[in-house]
Amino acid sequence: MKVLKITGTSSEMLVYLKDGSVLELEGEFTQGGFAAYISTMRLKGSDRALSEAEKEDYSREILEYNRNRGNKDFRIELYPD
């Protein structure tokens, strides 16, 4: 479930995964990054609710991707609510 890229708007983050799926998270663009709410995480185009374990795994992957990108000027922060 590796992250390929992350894009988004001022209120939504899209996380493209290696398996072809896309995660959507609501949040807000901040100075120097994006703050997203884990509780809003869902698979784009799917009605299936993600389990808490899946959300934790995806969150870990997102934060690892952001850490390894090498761009220290843009941070992604994930909040439970």
Protein backbone atom coordinates (compact mmCIF):
# COMPACT_ATOMS: atom_id res chain seq x y z
CA MET A 1 0.00 0.00 0.00
CA LYS A 2 2.84 2.38 -0.71
CA VAL A 3 2.07 6.03 -1.38
CA LEU A 4 2.95 7.20 -4.89
CA LYS A 5 2.05 10.87 -4.56
CA ILE A 6 -0.04 13.31 -2.59
CA THR A 7 -1.99 16.20 -4.09
CA GLY A 8 -4.98 18.22 -3.07
CA THR A 9 -6.77 21.50 -2.65
CA SER A 10 -7.07 23.96 0.20
CA SER A 11 -9.58 21.68 1.96
CA GLU A 12 -8.89 18.15 0.69
CA MET A 13 -5.86 15.89 0.41
CA LEU A 14 -5.70 13.09 -2.18
CA VAL A 15 -3.28 10.24 -1.55
CA TYR A 16 -2.52 8.05 -4.57
CA LEU A 17 -1.51 4.50 -3.63
CA LYS A 18 0.55 1.95 -5.54
CA ASP A 19 -2.44 -0.39 -5.86
CA GLY A 20 -4.33 2.27 -7.86
CA SER A 21 -6.67 3.38 -5.10
CA VAL A 22 -6.98 6.97 -3.88
CA LEU A 23 -7.57 8.12 -0.33
CA GLU A 24 -9.43 11.34 0.41
CA LEU A 25 -8.96 13.29 3.63
CA GLU A 26 -10.61 16.54 4.64
CA GLY A 27 -8.56 19.20 6.31
CA GLU A 28 -7.06 22.58 5.69
CA PHE A 29 -4.05 24.07 4.06
CA THR A 30 -1.83 25.73 6.63
CA GLN A 31 1.24 27.88 6.45
CA GLY A 32 3.96 25.36 5.67
CA GLY A 33 1.76 22.32 5.16
CA PHE A 34 -1.58 20.59 5.39
CA ALA A 35 -3.54 19.47 8.46
CA ALA A 36 -5.87 16.54 7.79
CA TYR A 37 -8.39 14.76 9.97
CA ILE A 38 -8.00 10.98 10.16
CA SER A 39 -11.70 10.55 10.92
CA THR A 40 -12.54 11.84 7.40
CA MET A 41 -10.28 9.33 5.61
CA ARG A 42 -12.09 7.32 2.94
CA LEU A 43 -11.36 5.52 -0.31
CA LYS A 44 -12.39 7.66 -3.26
CA GLY A 45 -15.32 6.15 -5.14
CA SER A 46 -16.09 3.58 -2.45
CA ASP A 47 -18.86 3.36 0.12
CA ARG A 48 -16.86 0.94 2.28
CA ALA A 49 -15.87 2.42 5.63
CA LEU A 50 -12.23 2.03 6.58
CA SER A 51 -11.47 0.28 9.86
CA GLU A 52 -9.47 2.07 12.55
CA ALA A 53 -6.57 -0.31 11.85
CA GLU A 54 -6.63 0.59 8.14
CA LYS A 55 -6.69 4.30 8.98
CA GLU A 56 -3.69 3.83 11.28
CA ASP A 57 -1.76 1.95 8.58
CA TYR A 58 -2.58 4.54 5.93
CA SER A 59 -1.67 7.36 8.32
CA ARG A 60 1.71 5.77 8.98
CA GLU A 61 2.33 5.42 5.24
CA ILE A 62 1.36 9.05 4.57
CA LEU A 63 3.64 10.40 7.30
CA GLU A 64 6.52 8.17 6.17
CA TYR A 65 6.10 9.34 2.57
CA ASN A 66 6.12 12.97 3.66
CA ARG A 67 9.19 12.43 5.87
CA ASN A 68 11.12 10.72 3.07
CA ARG A 69 10.28 13.26 0.37
CA GLY A 70 13.06 15.55 1.50
CA ASN A 71 10.93 18.71 1.41
CA LYS A 72 11.25 20.03 4.94
CA ASP A 73 9.26 23.19 4.05
CA PHE A 74 5.95 21.29 3.67
CA ARG A 75 4.59 19.23 6.55
CA ILE A 76 1.59 16.96 6.69
CA GLU A 77 -0.06 16.67 10.08
CA LEU A 78 -2.79 14.14 10.82
CA TYR A 79 -5.28 14.64 13.65
CA PRO A 80 -7.86 12.21 15.04
CA ASP A 81 -10.67 14.82 14.79
